[in-house]
Amino acid sequence: MSNNAAAVETPGPVVINRVPLWLAVAITVVISLPFGLWFGKYNFTLWCAFIAWAEYFALGAKPRAIPTILISFGYAAVLTGLSLAIIPIFGFLPTMVTPGDIPTAVSLFIVIAFMVYSMKWSHHFIDGSLPFFNGISMGLAVFFTSSYPQLGPASLMPITAAIWATAMAAFGILLGVITVLLQFPAKR
């Protein structure tokens, strides 16, 4: 055999799932339902958790995706909550249609522009651009739908909503891990 001959690579172990994905997902949804139905004002925001669950799969469904999701999602959600908390600073601005619309827009513009600019500072933000932008949208959605425990002073509710959205993202990641485990993957 000459030195120029192509080397034949043997494939690594192949992972086979003993339970199909469709069944593992259905089981995981049923497992998650009590968290969204039985805790009253502490019900989990499952739609937020399901988004992070999808992110886990979009980023490879491997444990190495967990820090990227948590860091990107959490950073964006918490800074979005902060942008909502500082709206009163811009209360001197006029309103167009409803009270607070211009102050809200100005606050969100400033903080979100900073957040997106800051993406270049961390590989987690770049690799995790999907959870990053979902952190913004879920932070806003959880706050504006009041889908979080109403604890503490009203001025801190945007931060509470952001923390709740981030906790729901962590729960969603757990759902992703459970889904993978329910498939009983085996190397062959």
Protein backbone atom coordinates (compact mmCIF):
# COMPACT_ATOMS: atom_id res chain seq x y z
CA MET A 1 0.00 0.00 0.00
CA SER A 2 1.47 3.34 -0.99
CA ASN A 3 1.80 6.33 1.28
CA ASN A 4 -0.73 8.15 -0.89
CA ALA A 5 -3.48 5.63 -0.27
CA ALA A 6 -6.48 7.02 1.56
CA ALA A 7 -6.78 5.83 5.10
CA VAL A 8 -9.96 4.00 5.87
CA GLU A 9 -11.57 5.34 8.99
CA THR A 10 -13.69 3.09 11.09
CA PRO A 11 -16.84 4.77 12.28
CA GLY A 12 -17.23 5.45 15.99
CA PRO A 13 -19.97 3.95 18.05
CA VAL A 14 -23.47 4.50 16.74
CA VAL A 15 -26.14 5.58 19.21
CA ILE A 16 -29.45 3.83 18.85
CA ASN A 17 -32.55 4.80 20.77
CA ARG A 18 -34.56 1.93 22.16
CA VAL A 19 -37.63 4.16 22.57
CA PRO A 20 -38.63 6.38 19.60
CA LEU A 21 -38.48 10.16 19.95
CA TRP A 22 -42.22 10.59 19.36
CA LEU A 23 -42.99 8.41 22.38
CA ALA A 24 -40.34 10.00 24.60
CA VAL A 25 -41.67 13.50 23.78
CA ALA A 26 -45.26 12.48 24.50
CA ILE A 27 -44.23 10.97 27.86
CA THR A 28 -42.23 14.10 28.74
CA VAL A 29 -45.21 16.35 27.97
CA VAL A 30 -47.41 14.26 30.28
CA ILE A 31 -44.72 14.35 32.99
CA SER A 32 -44.55 18.16 32.73
CA LEU A 33 -48.31 18.83 32.88
CA PRO A 34 -48.70 18.70 36.68
CA PHE A 35 -46.11 21.47 37.00
CA GLY A 36 -48.27 23.71 34.85
CA LEU A 37 -51.62 22.75 36.38
CA TRP A 38 -51.42 21.98 40.09
CA PHE A 39 -49.42 24.76 41.77
CA GLY A 40 -51.87 27.66 41.57
CA LYS A 41 -50.06 30.99 41.34
CA TYR A 42 -46.77 29.06 41.24
CA ASN A 43 -47.73 27.08 38.12
CA PHE A 44 -44.80 26.63 35.81
CA THR A 45 -44.96 28.58 32.57
CA LEU A 46 -44.76 25.50 30.40
CA TRP A 47 -44.79 27.38 27.10
CA CYS A 48 -41.57 29.10 28.20
CA ALA A 49 -40.10 25.78 29.36
CA PHE A 50 -41.02 24.12 26.07
CA ILE A 51 -39.11 26.80 24.16
CA ALA A 52 -35.95 26.03 26.15
CA TRP A 53 -36.65 22.32 25.65
CA ALA A 54 -36.60 22.93 21.89
CA GLU A 55 -33.39 24.96 22.26
CA TYR A 56 -31.75 21.99 23.96
CA PHE A 57 -32.51 19.87 20.90
CA ALA A 58 -31.61 22.66 18.45
CA LEU A 59 -28.18 22.89 20.10
CA GLY A 60 -27.52 19.15 19.84
CA ALA A 61 -29.34 17.60 22.83
CA LYS A 62 -26.04 17.14 24.65
CA PRO A 63 -25.06 18.28 28.15
CA ARG A 64 -22.52 20.74 26.65
CA ALA A 65 -25.49 22.83 25.42
CA ILE A 66 -26.76 23.45 28.97
CA PRO A 67 -24.36 26.26 29.98
CA THR A 68 -24.84 27.99 26.63
CA ILE A 69 -28.62 27.99 27.04
CA LEU A 70 -28.64 29.03 30.68
CA ILE A 71 -26.07 31.79 30.25
CA SER A 72 -27.52 33.22 27.04
CA PHE A 73 -31.18 32.92 28.00
CA GLY A 74 -30.65 34.09 31.58
CA TYR A 75 -28.51 37.10 30.65
CA ALA A 76 -31.00 38.27 28.04
CA ALA A 77 -34.07 37.65 30.23
CA VAL A 78 -32.61 39.41 33.27
CA LEU A 79 -31.45 42.43 31.29
CA THR A 80 -34.87 42.58 29.63
CA GLY A 81 -36.40 42.55 33.11
CA LEU A 82 -34.04 45.34 34.09
CA SER A 83 -35.12 47.36 31.04
CA LEU A 84 -38.73 46.99 32.18
CA ALA A 85 -37.83 47.92 35.76
CA ILE A 86 -36.19 51.20 34.73
CA ILE A 87 -39.14 52.45 32.65
CA PRO A 88 -40.07 54.98 35.40
CA ILE A 89 -36.74 56.75 34.75
CA PHE A 90 -38.16 57.76 31.37
CA GLY A 91 -41.53 58.83 32.81
CA PHE A 92 -40.84 62.45 31.84
CA LEU A 93 -41.27 61.51 28.15
CA PRO A 94 -44.62 62.11 26.48
CA THR A 95 -46.95 59.27 25.57
CA MET A 96 -48.53 58.63 22.20
CA VAL A 97 -51.45 56.23 22.63
CA THR A 98 -51.31 54.73 26.11
CA PRO A 99 -49.58 55.88 29.27
CA GLY A 100 -46.01 54.64 29.33
CA ASP A 101 -45.71 53.60 25.68
CA ILE A 102 -42.84 55.97 24.78
CA PRO A 103 -40.96 55.43 28.09
CA THR A 104 -41.31 51.66 27.58
CA ALA A 105 -40.05 51.86 24.01
CA VAL A 106 -37.08 54.06 24.96
CA SER A 107 -36.06 51.80 27.85
CA LEU A 108 -36.35 48.64 25.76
CA PHE A 109 -34.48 50.25 22.86
CA ILE A 110 -31.52 51.30 25.00
CA VAL A 111 -31.14 48.07 26.95
CA ILE A 112 -31.78 45.69 24.05
CA ALA A 113 -29.38 47.61 21.80
CA PHE A 114 -26.75 47.21 24.53
CA MET A 115 -27.57 43.50 24.94
CA VAL A 116 -27.25 42.69 21.27
CA TYR A 117 -24.03 44.72 21.09
CA SER A 118 -22.71 42.73 24.08
CA MET A 119 -23.25 39.40 22.28
CA LYS A 120 -19.72 39.66 20.89
CA TRP A 121 -18.30 39.46 24.41
CA SER A 122 -19.05 35.77 24.97
CA HIS A 123 -18.98 32.67 22.84
CA HIS A 124 -22.04 31.52 24.83
CA PHE A 125 -24.01 34.46 23.43
CA ILE A 126 -22.83 33.84 19.88
CA ASP A 127 -23.28 30.06 19.98
CA GLY A 128 -26.48 30.54 21.94
CA SER A 129 -28.07 33.27 19.83
CA LEU A 130 -31.34 31.29 19.75
CA PRO A 131 -31.67 31.13 23.57
CA PHE A 132 -30.34 34.71 23.77
CA PHE A 133 -33.17 36.10 21.65
CA ASN A 134 -35.66 33.75 23.28
CA GLY A 135 -34.54 35.15 26.65
CA ILE A 136 -35.59 38.59 25.45
CA SER A 137 -38.93 37.41 24.06
CA MET A 138 -39.73 35.15 27.00
CA GLY A 139 -38.73 37.82 29.53
CA LEU A 140 -41.20 40.17 27.84
CA ALA A 141 -43.89 37.52 27.42
CA VAL A 142 -43.75 36.25 30.99
CA PHE A 143 -43.90 39.82 32.32
CA PHE A 144 -46.64 41.17 30.05
CA THR A 145 -48.87 38.11 30.57
CA SER A 146 -48.24 38.17 34.35
CA SER A 147 -47.26 34.48 34.13
CA TYR A 148 -45.05 34.48 37.21
CA PRO A 149 -45.54 34.47 40.99
CA GLN A 150 -46.44 38.00 42.09
CA LEU A 151 -44.00 38.30 44.99
CA GLY A 152 -42.31 41.38 46.39
CA PRO A 153 -42.77 45.05 45.61
CA ALA A 154 -44.30 46.11 42.29
CA SER A 155 -41.08 47.85 41.24
CA LEU A 156 -39.29 44.47 41.27
CA MET A 157 -41.94 42.55 39.30
CA PRO A 158 -40.03 42.83 35.99
CA ILE A 159 -36.97 41.26 37.65
CA THR A 160 -39.16 38.59 39.27
CA ALA A 161 -40.64 37.80 35.84
CA ALA A 162 -37.14 37.56 34.32
CA ILE A 163 -35.95 35.21 37.05
CA TRP A 164 -39.12 33.13 36.60
CA ALA A 165 -38.55 32.96 32.82
CA THR A 166 -34.97 31.82 33.45
CA ALA A 167 -36.14 29.20 35.95
CA MET A 168 -38.62 27.96 33.35
CA ALA A 169 -35.76 27.74 30.83
CA ALA A 170 -33.84 25.58 33.31
CA PHE A 171 -36.94 23.39 33.68
CA GLY A 172 -37.16 23.18 29.90
CA ILE A 173 -33.57 21.99 29.71
CA LEU A 174 -34.43 19.35 32.30
CA LEU A 175 -37.33 18.26 30.08
CA GLY A 176 -34.88 17.93 27.19
CA VAL A 177 -32.54 15.79 29.28
CA ILE A 178 -35.49 13.64 30.42
CA THR A 179 -36.59 13.20 26.80
CA VAL A 180 -33.14 11.96 25.82
CA LEU A 181 -32.99 9.61 28.82
CA LEU A 182 -36.47 8.24 28.07
CA GLN A 183 -35.19 7.07 24.70
CA PHE A 184 -32.76 4.75 26.52
CA PRO A 185 -29.91 5.49 24.11
CA ALA A 186 -27.33 2.76 23.72
CA LYS A 187 -24.01 2.79 21.87
CA ARG A 188 -23.49 0.07 19.35
